[in-house]
């Protein structure tokens, strides 16, 4: 029998929806009272006794387990001995874990919550085991099949056919689909597909036309429009800021009801996988206000923290600011700045050349920065420090990490020391010396381990 222990499940820790439907991460099809049901109300009045499996508290450096949890009115009142828990809550409803494990709710270190809803709405172009796409013909078939089955969404987006998750590294052809190939899905409707990394995309000719991308279109700052070899004609493949512009254009006409449906689908997915706090990284005003609206209508069962883009949403941030407290499960936590691309797309900014550069590029190719001028980055970092906004900086390549470290180093010399907890998102090619410097500057590397699974 275990003693009663102090745990992170403190007496002030608030839970929702029957302790997040029996702590969410019980990782099994446990029968628990459904949120918003009469049993929910009964459990709030009588309490809920959770027992019958390992309850990992995450207390201390070594695993610490409780035998039982007693939850009353959405608050964990006791964690420890089962006999003691029964004495404290004799009338509590009982939830037998049947040897399944309970862990504290998972806090999302980095993601784009609204994109998760989009991912599950548009055509699934992932390779096995996440999807069925193994080559370009199977990718085209998935798009055609999805368009037939989702006429309402296609109509809501003014005819756009969209897919997500293709990976040129997993396709048998080992390259991106071209505009010519996507024309086989439709020549009359725009087709746009997003790379699994989120940093590249491919569009058909109708989409390029609607996006005003042609042979005379210059590359946007921080992005590239790939061309047919030996010409300036776009081949359909877009990189970085060009992708963002295309996605914004495609979703511009989507009705609010459809956007809300995608957002709530994302929340359900996170919650089903044990998350109690999720992140909306690099949000624009519209996305942040979508989450705020859902929160105001009590539609968020878990916490959503947004980080608007400091480059494009300065006015919004100066108007709304950031806060540490949630209002109905929503808050703006700080700002996001994206300094480069992805190693997968070979758009991450490195100090050394890529071993194998993208087709048509020289052996000296090292990727490229989102902001070529260091002073631009410095001004944005200074603005965040002045307003005490936490900064999440997307930096995959070590050159991008250098750019961020240098800007932060200057900022800390001229601004008061505060507990900002600034972050290096991804940090995938950080050098040893950069790790040392990050520690000195109190920066937190948020290593994106999922990339190792797919591209390691």
Protein backbone atom coordinates (compact mmCIF):
# COMPACT_ATOMS: atom_id res chain seq x y z
CA UNK A 1 0.00 0.00 0.00
CA UNK A 2 1.27 3.48 -0.78
CA UNK A 3 1.38 6.39 1.56
CA UNK A 4 -0.40 9.64 0.89
CA UNK A 5 2.03 11.84 -1.05
CA UNK A 6 2.38 15.38 -2.25
CA UNK A 7 2.11 15.37 -6.02
CA UNK A 8 1.76 17.77 -8.94
CA UNK A 9 -1.92 16.76 -8.73
CA UNK A 10 -2.27 19.57 -6.20
CA UNK A 11 -5.38 20.61 -4.36
CA UNK A 12 -5.66 23.64 -6.61
CA UNK A 13 -5.27 21.86 -9.95
CA UNK A 14 -8.50 22.36 -11.87
CA UNK A 15 -9.73 19.67 -14.23
CA UNK A 16 -12.65 19.71 -16.63
CA UNK A 17 -15.05 17.26 -18.23
CA UNK A 18 -14.91 14.64 -15.49
CA UNK A 19 -11.22 15.07 -14.90
CA UNK A 20 -10.68 15.27 -18.66
CA UNK A 21 -12.73 12.11 -19.17
CA UNK A 22 -10.84 10.18 -16.52
CA UNK A 23 -7.59 12.08 -16.95
CA UNK A 24 -7.63 11.64 -20.73
CA UNK A 25 -4.40 9.73 -20.81
CA UNK A 26 -5.72 6.58 -19.26
CA UNK A 27 -4.80 5.33 -22.72
CA UNK A 28 -7.61 2.87 -23.15
CA UNK A 29 -11.30 2.47 -23.87
CA UNK A 30 -12.21 2.90 -20.22
CA UNK A 31 -15.88 3.48 -19.60
CA UNK A 32 -16.07 6.91 -17.98
CA UNK A 33 -18.96 9.33 -17.55
CA UNK A 34 -19.39 11.44 -20.67
CA UNK A 35 -18.93 15.19 -20.33
CA UNK A 36 -22.14 17.24 -20.12
CA UNK A 37 -24.15 14.20 -19.04
CA UNK A 38 -26.17 13.66 -15.90
CA UNK A 39 -23.36 11.43 -14.63
CA UNK A 40 -21.02 14.41 -15.00
CA UNK A 41 -23.19 16.35 -12.58
CA UNK A 42 -23.43 13.38 -10.23
CA UNK A 43 -19.66 12.94 -10.20
CA UNK A 44 -19.17 16.60 -9.39
CA UNK A 45 -21.47 16.24 -6.39
CA UNK A 46 -20.30 12.85 -5.17
CA UNK A 47 -16.72 12.85 -6.42
CA UNK A 48 -14.87 10.34 -8.57
CA UNK A 49 -12.56 7.64 -7.21
CA UNK A 50 -9.96 6.47 -9.74
CA UNK A 51 -8.08 3.25 -8.96
CA UNK A 52 -7.12 -0.15 -10.33
CA UNK A 53 -4.03 0.75 -12.35
CA UNK A 54 -0.73 2.62 -12.21
CA UNK A 55 -1.24 6.32 -11.52
CA UNK A 56 2.01 8.08 -12.42
CA UNK A 57 2.28 11.44 -10.67
CA UNK A 58 5.54 12.62 -12.32
CA UNK A 59 6.71 13.75 -8.87
CA UNK A 60 10.49 13.91 -8.45
CA UNK A 61 13.30 12.50 -10.57
CA UNK A 62 12.19 8.87 -10.17
CA UNK A 63 8.74 7.47 -11.01
CA UNK A 64 6.25 8.08 -8.21
CA UNK A 65 2.92 6.31 -8.22
CA UNK A 66 -0.34 6.81 -6.35
CA UNK A 67 -2.74 3.95 -5.71
CA UNK A 68 -5.83 6.09 -6.08
CA UNK A 69 -7.09 9.55 -6.96
CA UNK A 70 -10.10 11.23 -5.42
CA UNK A 71 -11.55 13.98 -7.61
CA UNK A 72 -14.25 16.33 -6.32
CA UNK A 73 -15.82 19.14 -8.31
CA UNK A 74 -13.12 18.97 -10.95
CA UNK A 75 -10.27 19.15 -8.43
CA UNK A 76 -7.96 16.31 -7.36
CA UNK A 77 -8.41 16.30 -3.59
CA UNK A 78 -6.25 13.30 -2.78
CA UNK A 79 -3.58 11.10 -4.39
CA UNK A 80 -2.27 8.12 -2.48
CA UNK A 81 -3.52 5.08 -0.56
CA UNK A 82 -6.75 3.49 -1.88
CA UNK A 83 -8.08 2.74 1.58
CA UNK A 84 -7.60 6.35 2.64
CA UNK A 85 -9.21 7.60 -0.59
CA UNK A 86 -12.29 5.45 0.09
CA UNK A 87 -12.57 6.88 3.59
CA UNK A 88 -12.34 10.44 2.27
CA UNK A 89 -14.90 9.86 -0.48
CA UNK A 90 -17.29 7.11 0.63
CA UNK A 91 -19.99 8.24 -1.83
CA UNK A 92 -17.71 8.81 -4.82
CA UNK A 93 -18.45 7.22 -8.15
CA UNK A 94 -15.85 4.60 -8.98
CA UNK A 95 -13.66 4.30 -12.06
CA UNK A 96 -11.73 1.04 -12.26
CA UNK A 97 -8.76 1.50 -14.59
CA UNK A 98 -8.54 -2.25 -15.17
CA UNK A 99 -4.74 -2.02 -15.08
CA UNK A 100 -4.53 0.85 -17.57
CA UNK A 101 -2.15 3.70 -16.77
CA UNK A 102 -3.04 7.26 -15.83
CA UNK A 103 -0.57 10.07 -16.41
CA UNK A 104 -0.93 13.85 -16.00
CA UNK A 105 -2.32 15.66 -19.03
CA UNK A 106 0.27 16.21 -21.77
CA UNK A 107 1.35 19.79 -22.47
CA UNK A 108 1.99 20.43 -26.15
CA UNK A 109 5.47 21.92 -26.57
CA UNK A 110 4.94 22.98 -30.18
CA UNK A 111 2.29 22.57 -32.84
CA UNK A 112 -0.27 24.39 -34.93
CA UNK A 113 -3.62 23.29 -33.54
CA UNK A 114 -5.75 24.67 -36.35
CA UNK A 115 -3.58 22.85 -38.89
CA UNK A 116 -4.39 19.57 -37.16
CA UNK A 117 -8.06 20.19 -37.92
CA UNK A 118 -7.18 21.05 -41.50
CA UNK A 119 -5.06 17.92 -41.79
CA UNK A 120 -8.01 15.74 -40.84
CA UNK A 121 -10.38 17.56 -43.18
CA UNK A 122 -8.51 17.65 -46.49
CA UNK A 123 -7.21 14.68 -48.49
CA UNK A 124 -4.79 12.42 -46.59
CA UNK A 125 -1.61 12.25 -48.67
CA UNK A 126 0.62 10.66 -46.04
CA UNK A 127 2.80 7.65 -46.74
CA UNK A 128 2.20 4.40 -44.82
CA UNK A 129 1.57 3.85 -41.96
CA UNK A 130 -0.30 7.17 -41.76
CA UNK A 131 -1.81 7.03 -45.23
CA UNK A 132 -1.82 5.15 -48.52
CA UNK A 133 0.30 7.36 -50.80
CA UNK A 134 3.42 5.62 -52.14
CA UNK A 135 3.88 7.35 -55.50
CA UNK A 136 2.48 10.20 -57.55
CA UNK A 137 -0.30 8.12 -59.23
CA UNK A 138 -1.60 7.03 -55.80
CA UNK A 139 -1.39 10.65 -54.61
CA UNK A 140 -3.51 11.78 -57.56
CA UNK A 141 -6.04 9.02 -56.89
CA UNK A 142 -6.38 10.07 -53.24
CA UNK A 143 -7.06 13.66 -54.30
CA UNK A 144 -9.69 12.62 -56.86
CA UNK A 145 -11.37 10.30 -54.39
CA UNK A 146 -11.41 12.94 -51.65
CA UNK A 147 -12.90 15.57 -54.00
CA UNK A 148 -15.76 13.21 -54.89
CA UNK A 149 -16.50 12.45 -51.25
CA UNK A 150 -16.25 16.04 -49.97
CA UNK A 151 -18.22 18.24 -52.37
CA UNK A 152 -19.46 20.49 -49.54
CA UNK A 153 -15.94 21.44 -48.46
CA UNK A 154 -14.81 21.97 -52.05
CA UNK A 155 -17.79 24.23 -52.61
CA UNK A 156 -17.15 26.10 -49.35
CA UNK A 157 -13.60 26.89 -50.50
CA UNK A 158 -14.81 28.15 -53.89
CA UNK A 159 -13.69 25.01 -55.65
CA UNK A 160 -10.28 24.37 -54.09
CA UNK A 161 -9.18 20.72 -53.95
CA UNK A 162 -6.69 20.35 -51.12
CA UNK A 163 -4.51 17.66 -49.61
CA UNK A 164 -1.94 17.41 -46.85
CA UNK A 165 0.99 15.24 -45.85
CA UNK A 166 2.79 14.19 -49.01
CA UNK A 167 6.52 13.60 -48.59
CA UNK A 168 8.81 13.64 -51.61
CA UNK A 169 11.31 11.50 -49.66
CA UNK A 170 8.68 8.75 -49.37
CA UNK A 171 7.34 8.90 -52.91
CA UNK A 172 8.80 6.33 -55.28
CA UNK A 173 9.70 9.15 -57.67
CA UNK A 174 11.69 10.94 -54.91
CA UNK A 175 10.44 14.35 -56.01
CA UNK A 176 7.54 16.76 -55.61
CA UNK A 177 4.43 16.46 -57.82
CA UNK A 178 4.38 19.16 -60.49
CA UNK A 179 1.63 21.47 -61.72
CA UNK A 180 1.32 19.33 -64.87
CA UNK A 181 0.68 16.23 -62.79
CA UNK A 182 -1.81 17.94 -60.48
CA UNK A 183 -3.67 19.08 -63.59
CA UNK A 184 -4.63 15.41 -63.95
CA UNK A 185 -6.83 15.89 -60.87
CA UNK A 186 -8.49 18.96 -62.39
CA UNK A 187 -7.63 21.66 -64.91
CA UNK A 188 -10.69 23.74 -64.05
CA UNK A 189 -10.42 23.74 -60.26
CA UNK A 190 -7.44 24.86 -58.20
CA UNK A 191 -5.45 22.06 -56.57
CA UNK A 192 -3.09 22.71 -53.67
CA UNK A 193 -1.26 20.09 -51.62
CA UNK A 194 0.86 20.68 -48.52
CA UNK A 195 4.10 18.86 -47.79
CA UNK A 196 4.25 16.89 -44.54
CA UNK A 197 6.72 19.40 -43.09
CA UNK A 198 4.33 22.27 -43.77
CA UNK A 199 7.14 24.21 -45.42
CA UNK A 200 6.53 23.26 -49.05
CA UNK A 201 3.52 22.81 -51.28
CA UNK A 202 2.61 22.01 -54.86
CA UNK A 203 -0.15 23.58 -56.95
CA UNK A 204 -1.73 22.96 -60.33
CA UNK A 205 -1.89 25.58 -63.07
CA UNK A 206 -5.36 26.80 -62.10
CA UNK A 207 -4.16 27.40 -58.55
CA UNK A 208 -1.06 29.22 -59.83
CA UNK A 209 -3.32 31.39 -61.95
CA UNK A 210 -5.53 32.31 -58.99
CA UNK A 211 -2.43 32.98 -56.88
CA UNK A 212 -1.07 35.31 -59.60
CA UNK A 213 2.08 33.23 -59.88
CA UNK A 214 3.58 33.23 -63.37
CA UNK A 215 6.91 33.49 -65.19
CA UNK A 216 7.21 37.16 -64.25
CA UNK A 217 6.46 36.68 -60.54
CA UNK A 218 9.44 37.31 -58.29
CA UNK A 219 10.23 35.10 -55.31
CA UNK A 220 8.69 36.56 -52.14
CA UNK A 221 11.04 37.46 -49.29
CA UNK A 222 11.76 34.30 -47.33
CA UNK A 223 10.35 32.02 -50.00
CA UNK A 224 10.95 30.43 -53.39
CA UNK A 225 8.78 29.67 -56.41
CA UNK A 226 10.47 26.74 -58.12
CA UNK A 227 10.77 26.89 -61.90
CA UNK A 228 10.82 24.53 -64.84
CA UNK A 229 14.48 23.76 -65.57
CA UNK A 230 16.06 26.33 -67.86
CA UNK A 231 13.18 28.80 -67.62
CA UNK A 232 11.30 31.16 -65.29
CA UNK A 233 8.03 29.23 -65.69
CA UNK A 234 6.74 28.00 -62.28
CA UNK A 235 6.69 24.21 -62.02
CA UNK A 236 4.08 24.25 -59.23
CA UNK A 237 6.34 23.72 -56.21
CA UNK A 238 6.38 26.48 -53.59
CA UNK A 239 8.62 27.04 -50.59
CA UNK A 240 8.17 28.81 -47.24
CA UNK A 241 6.53 32.26 -47.45
CA UNK A 242 5.14 31.39 -50.89
CA UNK A 243 3.34 28.45 -49.23
CA UNK A 244 1.87 30.67 -46.51
CA UNK A 245 0.53 33.12 -49.09
CA UNK A 246 -1.02 30.26 -51.07
CA UNK A 247 -2.69 28.69 -48.01
CA UNK A 248 -4.09 32.06 -46.89
CA UNK A 249 -5.55 32.61 -50.34
CA UNK A 250 -7.09 29.14 -50.47
CA UNK A 251 -8.75 29.49 -47.06
CA UNK A 252 -9.77 33.12 -47.48
CA UNK A 253 -13.33 32.30 -48.54
CA UNK A 254 -13.93 29.45 -46.07
CA UNK A 255 -17.04 30.22 -43.97
CA UNK A 256 -16.52 30.67 -40.20
CA UNK A 257 -18.67 27.63 -39.48
CA UNK A 258 -16.31 25.42 -41.48
CA UNK A 259 -13.26 26.89 -39.73
CA UNK A 260 -14.89 26.26 -36.34
CA UNK A 261 -15.65 22.68 -37.28
CA UNK A 262 -12.00 22.07 -38.19
CA UNK A 263 -10.78 23.71 -34.98
CA UNK A 264 -13.06 21.62 -32.79
CA UNK A 265 -12.05 18.47 -34.65
CA UNK A 266 -8.45 19.30 -33.76
CA UNK A 267 -9.34 19.77 -30.09
CA UNK A 268 -11.08 16.39 -30.01
CA UNK A 269 -8.03 14.72 -31.53
CA UNK A 270 -5.61 16.26 -29.06
CA UNK A 271 -7.88 15.42 -26.12
CA UNK A 272 -8.27 11.80 -27.26
CA UNK A 273 -4.48 11.50 -27.19
CA UNK A 274 -4.10 12.85 -23.66
CA UNK A 275 -3.33 16.53 -24.25
CA UNK A 276 -4.68 19.08 -21.80
CA UNK A 277 -2.79 22.10 -23.18
CA UNK A 278 -2.29 22.65 -26.90
CA UNK A 279 -0.52 25.32 -28.89
CA UNK A 280 -1.44 27.48 -31.88
CA UNK A 281 1.96 28.54 -33.12
CA UNK A 282 2.42 31.43 -35.56
CA UNK A 283 -1.22 32.43 -35.39
CA UNK A 284 -2.68 35.27 -37.38
CA UNK A 285 -5.37 37.56 -35.97
CA UNK A 286 -8.21 35.54 -37.48
CA UNK A 287 -7.00 32.23 -36.05
CA UNK A 288 -6.37 33.67 -32.60
CA UNK A 289 -9.80 35.29 -32.54
CA UNK A 290 -11.38 32.02 -33.69
CA UNK A 291 -10.00 30.32 -30.59
CA UNK A 292 -11.04 33.25 -28.41
CA UNK A 293 -14.57 33.02 -29.78
CA UNK A 294 -14.77 29.29 -29.12
CA UNK A 295 -13.51 29.89 -25.58
CA UNK A 296 -16.09 32.61 -24.94
CA UNK A 297 -18.82 30.13 -25.90
CA UNK A 298 -17.36 27.47 -23.58
CA UNK A 299 -16.50 25.12 -26.44
CA UNK A 300 -12.92 24.39 -25.36
CA UNK A 301 -12.56 21.45 -22.94
CA UNK A 302 -8.77 21.85 -22.85
CA UNK A 303 -6.37 24.82 -22.79
CA UNK A 304 -5.33 26.52 -26.04
CA UNK A 305 -2.38 28.93 -26.00
CA UNK A 306 -1.74 31.05 -29.10
CA UNK A 307 1.48 32.70 -30.26
CA UNK A 308 0.73 35.25 -33.01
CA UNK A 309 3.36 36.01 -35.65
CA UNK A 310 5.34 39.02 -34.41
CA UNK A 311 6.27 40.06 -37.94
CA UNK A 312 2.76 40.24 -39.41
CA UNK A 313 0.64 40.74 -36.28
CA UNK A 314 2.41 43.50 -34.38
CA UNK A 315 -0.71 45.70 -34.28
CA UNK A 316 -2.78 42.80 -33.00
CA UNK A 317 -0.27 41.99 -30.25
CA UNK A 318 0.02 45.62 -29.17
CA UNK A 319 -3.78 45.66 -28.94
CA UNK A 320 -4.28 42.33 -27.15
CA UNK A 321 -0.97 41.64 -25.42
CA UNK A 322 -0.12 38.35 -23.71
CA UNK A 323 -1.18 36.87 -20.39
CA UNK A 324 -0.33 33.94 -18.15
CA UNK A 325 -3.90 33.19 -17.08
CA UNK A 326 -6.45 31.38 -19.23
CA UNK A 327 -9.93 32.79 -19.87
CA UNK A 328 -12.29 29.89 -20.56
CA UNK A 329 -9.29 27.77 -21.64
CA UNK A 330 -7.73 30.35 -24.00
CA UNK A 331 -4.83 32.78 -23.74
CA UNK A 332 -2.24 34.50 -25.88
CA UNK A 333 1.05 33.31 -24.46
CA UNK A 334 3.49 35.42 -26.45
CA UNK A 335 4.75 35.71 -30.02
CA UNK A 336 6.24 33.52 -32.72
CA UNK A 337 9.03 34.40 -35.12
CA UNK A 338 10.08 32.07 -37.94
CA UNK A 339 13.71 32.46 -38.95
CA UNK A 340 14.14 29.74 -41.58
CA UNK A 341 12.58 26.64 -43.11
CA UNK A 342 12.95 22.90 -42.67
CA UNK A 343 15.78 20.40 -43.19
CA UNK A 344 13.25 18.11 -44.92
CA UNK A 345 12.60 20.71 -47.58
CA UNK A 346 16.25 21.77 -47.53
CA UNK A 347 15.12 25.29 -46.72
CA UNK A 348 16.63 25.35 -43.21
CA UNK A 349 19.45 27.93 -43.01
CA UNK A 350 22.79 26.23 -42.29
CA UNK A 351 26.34 27.44 -41.76
CA UNK A 352 27.66 24.54 -43.88
CA UNK A 353 26.37 23.46 -47.32
CA UNK A 354 23.86 20.64 -47.72
CA UNK A 355 25.56 17.40 -48.71
CA UNK A 356 22.99 16.95 -51.48
CA UNK A 357 21.55 20.33 -52.56
CA UNK A 358 18.11 20.63 -54.19
CA UNK A 359 18.07 19.98 -57.92
CA UNK A 360 19.63 22.77 -59.94
CA UNK A 361 21.32 24.47 -56.99
CA UNK A 362 25.10 24.69 -56.42
CA UNK A 363 27.13 22.61 -53.97
CA UNK A 364 27.52 25.75 -51.85
CA UNK A 365 23.76 25.92 -51.13
CA UNK A 366 23.06 26.37 -47.39
CA UNK A 367 19.34 27.16 -47.35
CA UNK A 368 18.23 30.71 -46.62
CA UNK A 369 16.92 32.99 -43.87
CA UNK A 370 13.37 34.23 -43.54
CA UNK A 371 14.80 37.65 -42.64
CA UNK A 372 18.06 38.34 -44.50
CA UNK A 373 18.79 41.47 -42.44
CA UNK A 374 19.94 40.87 -38.86
CA UNK A 375 18.59 44.28 -37.83
CA UNK A 376 15.06 43.22 -38.84
CA UNK A 377 15.25 40.31 -36.43
CA UNK A 378 16.83 42.50 -33.77
CA UNK A 379 13.98 44.99 -33.97
CA UNK A 380 11.38 42.26 -33.60
CA UNK A 381 13.17 40.66 -30.64
CA UNK A 382 13.54 44.07 -29.00
CA UNK A 383 9.80 44.68 -29.42
CA UNK A 384 9.04 41.40 -27.67
CA UNK A 385 11.41 42.20 -24.82
CA UNK A 386 9.94 45.68 -24.42
CA UNK A 387 6.45 44.23 -24.03
CA UNK A 388 7.59 41.18 -22.04
CA UNK A 389 6.18 38.80 -24.64
CA UNK A 390 7.51 35.26 -24.51
CA UNK A 391 9.21 34.46 -27.83
CA UNK A 392 9.00 31.16 -29.66
CA UNK A 393 11.58 31.30 -32.43
CA UNK A 394 11.41 28.73 -35.21
CA UNK A 395 15.05 27.96 -36.01
CA UNK A 396 15.95 24.66 -37.64
CA UNK A 397 19.34 25.47 -39.15
CA UNK A 398 22.33 26.43 -37.05
CA UNK A 399 22.71 29.70 -38.98
CA UNK A 400 19.15 30.62 -37.99
CA UNK A 401 19.95 29.66 -34.39
CA UNK A 402 22.99 31.98 -34.53
CA UNK A 403 20.77 34.79 -35.75
CA UNK A 404 18.38 34.29 -32.83
CA UNK A 405 21.10 33.89 -30.21
CA UNK A 406 22.82 37.09 -31.34
CA UNK A 407 19.57 39.06 -31.25
CA UNK A 408 18.63 37.77 -27.79
CA UNK A 409 22.16 38.43 -26.47
CA UNK A 410 21.85 42.09 -27.45
CA UNK A 411 18.30 42.37 -26.14
CA UNK A 412 19.15 41.08 -22.65
CA UNK A 413 21.80 43.78 -22.30
CA UNK A 414 19.30 46.59 -22.72
CA UNK A 415 16.13 45.20 -21.11
CA UNK A 416 15.30 44.26 -17.55
CA UNK A 417 15.81 40.64 -16.60
CA UNK A 418 12.47 38.83 -16.36
CA UNK A 419 11.24 35.24 -16.43
CA UNK A 420 10.47 35.25 -20.15
CA UNK A 421 11.16 31.56 -20.90
CA UNK A 422 11.98 32.21 -24.54
CA UNK A 423 12.17 29.12 -26.75
CA UNK A 424 14.10 27.79 -29.76
CA UNK A 425 11.55 25.76 -31.71
CA UNK A 426 12.90 22.62 -33.45
CA UNK A 427 16.61 23.40 -32.84
CA UNK A 428 17.43 20.43 -35.04
CA UNK A 429 20.98 21.30 -36.04
CA UNK A 430 22.14 23.16 -32.93
CA UNK A 431 25.88 22.93 -32.29
CA UNK A 432 27.43 22.24 -28.90
CA UNK A 433 28.57 25.85 -28.55
CA UNK A 434 25.05 27.03 -29.30
CA UNK A 435 23.62 24.81 -26.58
CA UNK A 436 26.05 26.39 -24.12
CA UNK A 437 25.11 29.89 -25.22
CA UNK A 438 21.40 29.11 -25.08
CA UNK A 439 21.82 28.02 -21.47
CA UNK A 440 23.61 31.27 -20.64
CA UNK A 441 20.75 33.25 -22.18
CA UNK A 442 18.05 31.16 -20.44
CA UNK A 443 16.69 29.94 -23.77
CA UNK A 444 14.80 26.65 -23.93
CA UNK A 445 15.45 24.38 -26.95
CA UNK A 446 12.23 22.58 -27.89
CA UNK A 447 13.59 19.63 -29.87
CA UNK A 448 11.01 18.27 -32.30
CA UNK A 449 11.47 14.55 -31.80
CA UNK A 450 8.67 13.64 -34.21
CA UNK A 451 10.94 14.66 -37.07
CA UNK A 452 13.36 11.94 -36.03
CA UNK A 453 10.65 9.33 -36.51
CA UNK A 454 9.87 10.48 -40.04
CA UNK A 455 13.22 11.76 -41.29
CA UNK A 456 15.90 10.60 -38.88
